[in-house]
Amino acid sequence: MNVTFDEKQPIFQQVADIIEDDILNGTYREDEQILSVAQFSQLFQINPATVVKGIGLLVNEGILYKKRGLGMYVSSDAKQKIQNQRRNRFYKEMLSNLISEADKLELATEDIIGMIKQLRKE
């Protein structure tokens, strides 16, 4: 896997986001083991401490859990937690920015809805 990290966000956060994406798209399922720190480190060509920090975020959020001596596993409700977090972020960040820009452009709600429907068709 060839990953290009964005300089605008810490790499450990991007590692956590990649793991979350893999949970959402079904690469990792509930109670399934994820790759080890060493495997992620080698795969992404980054320092293992960075991977540990990214995984730590997911453990703190209850998305991953550790089985002592075995590795890290996906929590049973991980997918739902990720979806809820991302929906909240989508609402607070993306939609508020969209509405702000639409207001500057004097776009009506119906115009925005029409644009969204058009994009969904494409």
N, C-alpha and C. Protein backbone atom coordinates (compact mmCIF):
# COMPACT_ATOMS: atom_id res chain seq x y z
N MET A 1 0.84 -1.17 0.00
CA MET A 1 0.00 0.00 0.00
C MET A 1 0.89 1.23 0.00
N ASN A 2 0.62 2.12 -0.92
CA ASN A 2 1.38 3.35 -1.00
C ASN A 2 0.53 4.49 -0.45
N VAL A 3 0.93 5.05 0.67
CA VAL A 3 0.18 6.12 1.32
C VAL A 3 0.99 7.40 1.28
N THR A 4 0.33 8.47 0.88
CA THR A 4 0.96 9.78 0.92
C THR A 4 0.30 10.55 2.05
N PHE A 5 1.10 10.94 3.02
CA PHE A 5 0.55 11.64 4.17
C PHE A 5 0.44 13.13 3.89
N ASP A 6 -0.62 13.71 4.41
CA ASP A 6 -0.92 15.14 4.27
C ASP A 6 -0.17 15.92 5.34
N GLU A 7 0.50 16.96 4.94
CA GLU A 7 1.28 17.76 5.89
C GLU A 7 0.41 18.62 6.80
N LYS A 8 -0.87 18.73 6.50
CA LYS A 8 -1.76 19.58 7.28
C LYS A 8 -2.24 18.92 8.57
N GLN A 9 -2.03 17.62 8.68
CA GLN A 9 -2.54 16.86 9.82
C GLN A 9 -1.42 15.96 10.35
N PRO A 10 -1.33 15.77 11.67
CA PRO A 10 -0.30 14.87 12.21
C PRO A 10 -0.42 13.46 11.63
N ILE A 11 0.72 12.82 11.39
CA ILE A 11 0.74 11.50 10.78
C ILE A 11 0.01 10.48 11.66
N PHE A 12 0.18 10.56 12.98
CA PHE A 12 -0.49 9.59 13.85
C PHE A 12 -2.01 9.69 13.69
N GLN A 13 -2.54 10.89 13.48
CA GLN A 13 -3.99 11.06 13.27
C GLN A 13 -4.40 10.44 11.94
N GLN A 14 -3.54 10.59 10.94
CA GLN A 14 -3.84 10.00 9.63
C GLN A 14 -3.80 8.47 9.69
N VAL A 15 -2.90 7.92 10.50
CA VAL A 15 -2.85 6.47 10.70
C VAL A 15 -4.17 6.01 11.33
N ALA A 16 -4.64 6.72 12.34
CA ALA A 16 -5.91 6.39 12.98
C ALA A 16 -7.05 6.47 11.96
N ASP A 17 -7.04 7.49 11.12
CA ASP A 17 -8.08 7.65 10.10
C ASP A 17 -8.05 6.50 9.09
N ILE A 18 -6.87 6.06 8.72
CA ILE A 18 -6.74 4.94 7.78
C ILE A 18 -7.32 3.67 8.38
N ILE A 19 -7.02 3.43 9.65
CA ILE A 19 -7.56 2.24 10.33
C ILE A 19 -9.09 2.36 10.42
N GLU A 20 -9.58 3.55 10.76
CA GLU A 20 -11.03 3.76 10.80
C GLU A 20 -11.66 3.48 9.44
N ASP A 21 -11.03 3.99 8.38
CA ASP A 21 -11.54 3.75 7.02
C ASP A 21 -11.60 2.25 6.73
N ASP A 22 -10.57 1.53 7.16
CA ASP A 22 -10.54 0.08 6.94
C ASP A 22 -11.65 -0.63 7.71
N ILE A 23 -12.00 -0.11 8.86
CA ILE A 23 -13.12 -0.67 9.62
C ILE A 23 -14.44 -0.36 8.91
N LEU A 24 -14.59 0.86 8.44
CA LEU A 24 -15.82 1.25 7.75
C LEU A 24 -16.03 0.49 6.45
N ASN A 25 -14.94 0.23 5.72
CA ASN A 25 -15.10 -0.45 4.43
C ASN A 25 -15.04 -1.98 4.55
N GLY A 26 -14.92 -2.49 5.77
CA GLY A 26 -14.99 -3.93 5.99
C GLY A 26 -13.68 -4.67 5.91
N THR A 27 -12.57 -3.96 5.76
CA THR A 27 -11.26 -4.63 5.76
C THR A 27 -11.03 -5.30 7.11
N TYR A 28 -11.42 -4.60 8.18
CA TYR A 28 -11.37 -5.17 9.53
C TYR A 28 -12.80 -5.23 10.06
N ARG A 29 -13.16 -6.38 10.60
CA ARG A 29 -14.50 -6.58 11.15
C ARG A 29 -14.44 -6.63 12.68
N GLU A 30 -15.61 -6.64 13.29
CA GLU A 30 -15.71 -6.71 14.75
C GLU A 30 -14.91 -7.89 15.29
N ASP A 31 -14.19 -7.63 16.37
CA ASP A 31 -13.40 -8.63 17.08
C ASP A 31 -12.33 -9.29 16.21
N GLU A 32 -11.94 -8.62 15.14
CA GLU A 32 -10.89 -9.11 14.26
C GLU A 32 -9.58 -8.35 14.57
N GLN A 33 -8.48 -9.06 14.48
CA GLN A 33 -7.18 -8.47 14.77
C GLN A 33 -6.74 -7.58 13.62
N ILE A 34 -6.16 -6.42 13.97
CA ILE A 34 -5.59 -5.55 12.96
C ILE A 34 -4.10 -5.88 12.82
N LEU A 35 -3.44 -5.24 11.86
CA LEU A 35 -2.01 -5.44 11.69
C LEU A 35 -1.26 -5.01 12.95
N SER A 36 -0.08 -5.55 13.14
CA SER A 36 0.74 -5.17 14.29
C SER A 36 1.38 -3.80 14.04
N VAL A 37 1.91 -3.21 15.09
CA VAL A 37 2.62 -1.93 14.98
C VAL A 37 3.77 -2.07 13.98
N ALA A 38 4.51 -3.14 14.08
CA ALA A 38 5.64 -3.35 13.17
C ALA A 38 5.17 -3.45 11.72
N GLN A 39 4.06 -4.15 11.50
CA GLN A 39 3.54 -4.28 10.14
C GLN A 39 3.07 -2.94 9.59
N PHE A 40 2.34 -2.17 10.40
CA PHE A 40 1.92 -0.83 9.97
C PHE A 40 3.12 0.06 9.69
N SER A 41 4.10 0.00 10.59
CA SER A 41 5.29 0.81 10.44
C SER A 41 6.01 0.51 9.13
N GLN A 42 6.14 -0.76 8.83
CA GLN A 42 6.79 -1.17 7.58
C GLN A 42 5.93 -0.80 6.37
N LEU A 43 4.64 -1.01 6.47
CA LEU A 43 3.73 -0.73 5.38
C LEU A 43 3.72 0.76 5.01
N PHE A 44 3.68 1.61 6.02
CA PHE A 44 3.61 3.05 5.80
C PHE A 44 4.97 3.73 5.76
N GLN A 45 6.03 2.96 6.08
CA GLN A 45 7.38 3.52 6.11
C GLN A 45 7.48 4.68 7.10
N ILE A 46 6.96 4.44 8.32
CA ILE A 46 7.01 5.46 9.37
C ILE A 46 7.50 4.85 10.68
N ASN A 47 7.83 5.71 11.60
CA ASN A 47 8.32 5.31 12.91
C ASN A 47 7.24 4.53 13.68
N PRO A 48 7.61 3.42 14.31
CA PRO A 48 6.64 2.65 15.10
C PRO A 48 5.95 3.47 16.19
N ALA A 49 6.67 4.43 16.77
CA ALA A 49 6.07 5.27 17.82
C ALA A 49 4.89 6.08 17.27
N THR A 50 4.97 6.46 16.01
CA THR A 50 3.88 7.19 15.37
C THR A 50 2.65 6.28 15.23
N VAL A 51 2.88 5.04 14.85
CA VAL A 51 1.80 4.06 14.73
C VAL A 51 1.17 3.82 16.10
N VAL A 52 2.00 3.65 17.13
CA VAL A 52 1.51 3.42 18.49
C VAL A 52 0.61 4.57 18.93
N LYS A 53 1.01 5.79 18.60
CA LYS A 53 0.21 6.96 18.98
C LYS A 53 -1.14 6.96 18.26
N GLY A 54 -1.14 6.61 16.97
CA GLY A 54 -2.39 6.54 16.22
C GLY A 54 -3.32 5.46 16.74
N ILE A 55 -2.75 4.31 17.02
CA ILE A 55 -3.55 3.20 17.58
C ILE A 55 -4.06 3.58 18.97
N GLY A 56 -3.23 4.28 19.73
CA GLY A 56 -3.62 4.74 21.07
C GLY A 56 -4.87 5.61 21.03
N LEU A 57 -4.96 6.46 20.02
CA LEU A 57 -6.16 7.29 19.87
C LEU A 57 -7.41 6.42 19.75
N LEU A 58 -7.30 5.38 18.94
CA LEU A 58 -8.44 4.49 18.70
C LEU A 58 -8.78 3.65 19.93
N VAL A 59 -7.78 3.30 20.70
CA VAL A 59 -8.02 2.58 21.95
C VAL A 59 -8.76 3.50 22.93
N ASN A 60 -8.31 4.74 23.03
CA ASN A 60 -8.95 5.70 23.94
C ASN A 60 -10.40 5.98 23.55
N GLU A 61 -10.71 5.88 22.26
CA GLU A 61 -12.07 6.12 21.78
C GLU A 61 -12.93 4.86 21.84
N GLY A 62 -12.33 3.73 22.25
CA GLY A 62 -13.08 2.49 22.35
C GLY A 62 -13.31 1.79 21.02
N ILE A 63 -12.54 2.17 20.01
CA ILE A 63 -12.67 1.57 18.69
C ILE A 63 -11.83 0.30 18.58
N LEU A 64 -10.69 0.30 19.25
CA LEU A 64 -9.82 -0.87 19.31
C LEU A 64 -9.64 -1.28 20.77
N TYR A 65 -9.33 -2.55 20.98
CA TYR A 65 -8.98 -3.02 22.32
C TYR A 65 -7.81 -3.99 22.19
N LYS A 66 -7.09 -4.13 23.28
CA LYS A 66 -5.90 -4.98 23.29
C LYS A 66 -6.19 -6.32 23.95
N LYS A 67 -5.73 -7.37 23.30
CA LYS A 67 -5.70 -8.69 23.93
C LYS A 67 -4.25 -8.92 24.30
N ARG A 68 -4.02 -8.98 25.57
CA ARG A 68 -2.64 -9.08 26.06
C ARG A 68 -1.90 -10.25 25.41
N GLY A 69 -0.76 -9.90 24.84
CA GLY A 69 0.09 -10.90 24.21
C GLY A 69 -0.34 -11.30 22.81
N LEU A 70 -1.48 -10.80 22.36
CA LEU A 70 -2.00 -11.19 21.04
C LEU A 70 -2.06 -10.03 20.05
N GLY A 71 -2.34 -8.83 20.53
CA GLY A 71 -2.40 -7.69 19.62
C GLY A 71 -3.65 -6.85 19.81
N MET A 72 -3.93 -6.04 18.81
CA MET A 72 -5.05 -5.11 18.86
C MET A 72 -6.21 -5.66 18.03
N TYR A 73 -7.43 -5.46 18.56
CA TYR A 73 -8.63 -5.99 17.92
C TYR A 73 -9.68 -4.89 17.79
N VAL A 74 -10.58 -5.07 16.83
CA VAL A 74 -11.65 -4.12 16.59
C VAL A 74 -12.78 -4.38 17.59
N SER A 75 -13.22 -3.33 18.26
CA SER A 75 -14.33 -3.43 19.21
C SER A 75 -15.62 -3.79 18.50
N SER A 76 -16.55 -4.37 19.24
CA SER A 76 -17.79 -4.84 18.63
C SER A 76 -18.66 -3.70 18.09
N ASP A 77 -18.56 -2.52 18.67
CA ASP A 77 -19.37 -1.40 18.21
C ASP A 77 -18.53 -0.33 17.51
N ALA A 78 -17.35 -0.71 17.04
CA ALA A 78 -16.42 0.25 16.44
C ALA A 78 -17.00 0.97 15.24
N LYS A 79 -17.61 0.23 14.34
CA LYS A 79 -18.15 0.84 13.11
C LYS A 79 -19.18 1.92 13.45
N GLN A 80 -20.07 1.61 14.38
CA GLN A 80 -21.10 2.58 14.78
C GLN A 80 -20.47 3.82 15.43
N LYS A 81 -19.47 3.62 16.28
CA LYS A 81 -18.80 4.75 16.92
C LYS A 81 -18.14 5.64 15.89
N ILE A 82 -17.46 5.04 14.92
CA ILE A 82 -16.78 5.82 13.88
C ILE A 82 -17.80 6.60 13.06
N GLN A 83 -18.88 5.93 12.67
CA GLN A 83 -19.91 6.61 11.89
C GLN A 83 -20.50 7.79 12.66
N ASN A 84 -20.78 7.60 13.94
CA ASN A 84 -21.33 8.68 14.76
C ASN A 84 -20.35 9.85 14.86
N GLN A 85 -19.08 9.55 15.12
CA GLN A 85 -18.06 10.60 15.22
C GLN A 85 -17.93 11.37 13.91
N ARG A 86 -17.89 10.63 12.81
CA ARG A 86 -17.72 11.28 11.51
C ARG A 86 -18.96 12.05 11.07
N ARG A 87 -20.14 11.56 11.43
CA ARG A 87 -21.36 12.32 11.13
C ARG A 87 -21.36 13.64 11.88
N ASN A 88 -20.97 13.59 13.16
CA ASN A 88 -20.89 14.83 13.95
C ASN A 88 -19.88 15.80 13.36
N ARG A 89 -18.72 15.28 12.97
CA ARG A 89 -17.67 16.11 12.36
C ARG A 89 -18.16 16.67 11.03
N PHE A 90 -18.84 15.84 10.23
CA PHE A 90 -19.40 16.28 8.95
C PHE A 90 -20.37 17.43 9.16
N TYR A 91 -21.23 17.27 10.14
CA TYR A 91 -22.23 18.30 10.43
C TYR A 91 -21.56 19.59 10.91
N LYS A 92 -20.68 19.47 11.88
CA LYS A 92 -20.07 20.65 12.50
C LYS A 92 -19.07 21.36 11.59
N GLU A 93 -18.29 20.60 10.84
CA GLU A 93 -17.23 21.21 10.04
C GLU A 93 -17.66 21.44 8.59
N MET A 94 -17.97 20.38 7.91
CA MET A 94 -18.22 20.50 6.48
C MET A 94 -19.51 21.24 6.16
N LEU A 95 -20.59 20.86 6.82
CA LEU A 95 -21.87 21.52 6.52
C LEU A 95 -21.88 22.97 6.95
N SER A 96 -21.28 23.28 8.08
CA SER A 96 -21.26 24.68 8.50
C SER A 96 -20.43 25.52 7.54
N ASN A 97 -19.33 24.95 7.03
CA ASN A 97 -18.53 25.67 6.02
C ASN A 97 -19.31 25.82 4.72
N LEU A 98 -20.04 24.78 4.34
CA LEU A 98 -20.86 24.82 3.13
C LEU A 98 -21.92 25.92 3.25
N ILE A 99 -22.62 25.96 4.36
CA ILE A 99 -23.67 26.96 4.56
C ILE A 99 -23.08 28.37 4.58
N SER A 100 -21.95 28.51 5.22
CA SER A 100 -21.29 29.82 5.27
C SER A 100 -20.95 30.31 3.86
N GLU A 101 -20.37 29.42 3.06
CA GLU A 101 -20.01 29.79 1.69
C GLU A 101 -21.27 30.04 0.85
N ALA A 102 -22.29 29.22 1.04
CA ALA A 102 -23.55 29.39 0.30
C ALA A 102 -24.19 30.74 0.64
N ASP A 103 -24.09 31.14 1.89
CA ASP A 103 -24.62 32.45 2.29
C ASP A 103 -23.88 33.58 1.59
N LYS A 104 -22.57 33.45 1.49
CA LYS A 104 -21.78 34.47 0.79
C LYS A 104 -22.17 34.57 -0.68
N LEU A 105 -22.52 33.42 -1.26
CA LEU A 105 -22.90 33.37 -2.67
C LEU A 105 -24.40 33.59 -2.89
N GLU A 106 -25.10 33.81 -1.78
CA GLU A 106 -26.55 34.03 -1.80
C GLU A 106 -27.29 32.88 -2.46
N LEU A 107 -26.87 31.66 -2.13
CA LEU A 107 -27.54 30.46 -2.64
C LEU A 107 -28.66 30.07 -1.68
N ALA A 108 -29.81 29.76 -2.23
CA ALA A 108 -30.94 29.32 -1.42
C ALA A 108 -30.74 27.85 -1.05
N THR A 109 -31.42 27.42 -0.02
CA THR A 109 -31.35 26.03 0.42
C THR A 109 -31.72 25.09 -0.73
N GLU A 110 -32.72 25.45 -1.50
CA GLU A 110 -33.15 24.63 -2.63
C GLU A 110 -32.03 24.50 -3.67
N ASP A 111 -31.26 25.57 -3.87
CA ASP A 111 -30.14 25.53 -4.81
C ASP A 111 -29.08 24.53 -4.34
N ILE A 112 -28.79 24.58 -3.05
CA ILE A 112 -27.79 23.67 -2.48
C ILE A 112 -28.27 22.23 -2.60
N ILE A 113 -29.51 21.99 -2.28
CA ILE A 113 -30.07 20.64 -2.38
C ILE A 113 -30.02 20.15 -3.82
N GLY A 114 -30.35 21.01 -4.76
CA GLY A 114 -30.28 20.66 -6.18
C GLY A 114 -28.87 20.29 -6.60
N MET A 115 -27.89 21.05 -6.13
CA MET A 115 -26.48 20.76 -6.45
C MET A 115 -26.06 19.41 -5.87
N ILE A 116 -26.47 19.14 -4.65
CA ILE A 116 -26.13 17.87 -4.01
C ILE A 116 -26.76 16.71 -4.77
N LYS A 117 -28.02 16.86 -5.14
CA LYS A 117 -28.69 15.80 -5.91
C LYS A 117 -27.99 15.58 -7.23
N GLN A 118 -27.55 16.64 -7.89
CA GLN A 118 -26.86 16.51 -9.16
C GLN A 118 -25.53 15.75 -8.98
N LEU A 119 -24.80 16.08 -7.92
CA LEU A 119 -23.53 15.38 -7.66
C LEU A 119 -23.74 13.91 -7.35
N ARG A 120 -24.81 13.61 -6.65
CA ARG A 120 -25.11 12.21 -6.31
C ARG A 120 -25.41 11.39 -7.56
N LYS A 121 -25.97 12.02 -8.59
CA LYS A 121 -26.28 11.34 -9.84
C LYS A 121 -25.01 11.02 -10.63
N GLU A 122 -24.02 11.88 -10.51
CA GLU A 122 -22.79 11.74 -11.30
C GLU A 122 -21.93 10.60 -10.83
